[in-house]
């Protein structure tokens, strides 16, 4: 249940994205390849959660920071 602990509930989504990005970190991709990966996978992971619940702003900022660092 989401309730009052939204940030801890959505941390799993943030960790899924972080794990995906960190597994690709050591591989050599062109800038276009990185863009395709981000659009296809990293932005698709929170799509369901965002369609059902309103994500806290801090979680959205953390996801954006992780994508920008990739």
C-alpha atoms as a PDB file:
ATOM      1  CA  UNK A   1       0.000   0.000   0.000  1.00  0.00           C
ATOM      2  CA  UNK A   2       1.355   3.412  -0.890  1.00  0.00           C
ATOM      3  CA  UNK A   3      -0.051   5.537   1.923  1.00  0.00           C
ATOM      4  CA  UNK A   4       2.191   8.060   3.622  1.00  0.00           C
ATOM      5  CA  UNK A   5       5.455   6.314   2.808  1.00  0.00           C
ATOM      6  CA  UNK A   6       5.483   7.144  -0.882  1.00  0.00           C
ATOM      7  CA  UNK A   7       9.217   7.799  -1.124  1.00  0.00           C
ATOM      8  CA  UNK A   8      10.156   4.428   0.353  1.00  0.00           C
ATOM      9  CA  UNK A   9       7.524   2.716  -1.802  1.00  0.00           C
ATOM     10  CA  UNK A  10       8.898   4.187  -5.036  1.00  0.00           C
ATOM     11  CA  UNK A  11      12.547   3.641  -4.109  1.00  0.00           C
ATOM     12  CA  UNK A  12      12.277   0.217  -5.744  1.00  0.00           C
ATOM     13  CA  UNK A  13      11.456   1.864  -9.069  1.00  0.00           C
ATOM     14  CA  UNK A  14      14.408   4.192  -8.672  1.00  0.00           C
ATOM     15  CA  UNK A  15      16.691   1.240  -7.843  1.00  0.00           C
ATOM     16  CA  UNK A  16      15.509  -0.669 -10.927  1.00  0.00           C
ATOM     17  CA  UNK A  17      16.504   2.235 -13.141  1.00  0.00           C
ATOM     18  CA  UNK A  18      19.817   2.663 -11.319  1.00  0.00           C
ATOM     19  CA  UNK A  19      20.618  -1.056 -11.758  1.00  0.00           C
ATOM     20  CA  UNK A  20      19.831  -0.931 -15.471  1.00  0.00           C
ATOM     21  CA  UNK A  21      21.993   2.134 -16.013  1.00  0.00           C
ATOM     22  CA  UNK A  22      24.890   0.831 -13.929  1.00  0.00           C
ATOM     23  CA  UNK A  23      24.921  -2.459 -15.824  1.00  0.00           C
ATOM     24  CA  UNK A  24      25.379  -0.507 -19.071  1.00  0.00           C
ATOM     25  CA  UNK A  25      28.005   1.847 -17.632  1.00  0.00           C
ATOM     26  CA  UNK A  26      31.042  -0.244 -18.631  1.00  0.00           C
ATOM     27  CA  UNK A  27      29.858  -0.908 -22.170  1.00  0.00           C
ATOM     28  CA  UNK A  28      30.852   1.309 -25.053  1.00  0.00           C
ATOM     29  CA  UNK A  29      27.845   2.946 -26.674  1.00  0.00           C
ATOM     30  CA  UNK A  30      27.610   5.787 -29.113  1.00  0.00           C
ATOM     31  CA  UNK A  31      25.651   8.827 -28.009  1.00  0.00           C
ATOM     32  CA  UNK A  32      22.763   7.689 -30.206  1.00  0.00           C
ATOM     33  CA  UNK A  33      22.862   4.224 -28.656  1.00  0.00           C
ATOM     34  CA  UNK A  34      22.695   5.701 -25.163  1.00  0.00           C
ATOM     35  CA  UNK A  35      19.739   7.847 -26.131  1.00  0.00           C
ATOM     36  CA  UNK A  36      17.862   4.850 -27.521  1.00  0.00           C
ATOM     37  CA  UNK A  37      18.548   2.807 -24.390  1.00  0.00           C
ATOM     38  CA  UNK A  38      17.378   5.581 -22.110  1.00  0.00           C
ATOM     39  CA  UNK A  39      14.209   6.187 -24.079  1.00  0.00           C
ATOM     40  CA  UNK A  40      13.383   2.512 -24.503  1.00  0.00           C
ATOM     41  CA  UNK A  41      14.153   1.157 -21.057  1.00  0.00           C
ATOM     42  CA  UNK A  42      14.982   3.697 -18.377  1.00  0.00           C
ATOM     43  CA  UNK A  43      11.976   5.874 -19.112  1.00  0.00           C
ATOM     44  CA  UNK A  44       9.650   2.911 -19.586  1.00  0.00           C
ATOM     45  CA  UNK A  45      10.299   1.424 -16.136  1.00  0.00           C
ATOM     46  CA  UNK A  46       8.465   4.133 -14.153  1.00  0.00           C
ATOM     47  CA  UNK A  47       5.764   4.610 -16.799  1.00  0.00           C
ATOM     48  CA  UNK A  48       3.276   2.225 -15.191  1.00  0.00           C
ATOM     49  CA  UNK A  49       3.850   3.575 -11.702  1.00  0.00           C
ATOM     50  CA  UNK A  50       3.463   7.111 -12.995  1.00  0.00           C
ATOM     51  CA  UNK A  51       0.212   6.241 -14.758  1.00  0.00           C
ATOM     52  CA  UNK A  52      -1.308   4.830 -11.577  1.00  0.00           C
ATOM     53  CA  UNK A  53       0.231   6.981  -8.824  1.00  0.00           C
ATOM     54  CA  UNK A  54       1.615  10.470  -8.573  1.00  0.00           C
ATOM     55  CA  UNK A  55       5.339  10.071  -7.950  1.00  0.00           C
ATOM     56  CA  UNK A  56       6.966  12.337  -5.375  1.00  0.00           C
ATOM     57  CA  UNK A  57       9.052  15.123  -6.868  1.00  0.00           C
ATOM     58  CA  UNK A  58      12.191  13.846  -5.127  1.00  0.00           C
ATOM     59  CA  UNK A  59      11.924  10.466  -6.868  1.00  0.00           C
ATOM     60  CA  UNK A  60      11.448  12.144 -10.260  1.00  0.00           C
ATOM     61  CA  UNK A  61      14.490  14.334  -9.637  1.00  0.00           C
ATOM     62  CA  UNK A  62      16.611  11.330  -8.612  1.00  0.00           C
ATOM     63  CA  UNK A  63      15.612   9.446 -11.775  1.00  0.00           C
ATOM     64  CA  UNK A  64      16.425  12.471 -13.938  1.00  0.00           C
ATOM     65  CA  UNK A  65      19.818  12.842 -12.243  1.00  0.00           C
ATOM     66  CA  UNK A  66      20.659   9.171 -12.822  1.00  0.00           C
ATOM     67  CA  UNK A  67      19.735   9.424 -16.504  1.00  0.00           C
ATOM     68  CA  UNK A  68      21.722  12.636 -16.927  1.00  0.00           C
ATOM     69  CA  UNK A  69      24.832  11.026 -15.389  1.00  0.00           C
ATOM     70  CA  UNK A  70      24.614   8.106 -17.814  1.00  0.00           C
END
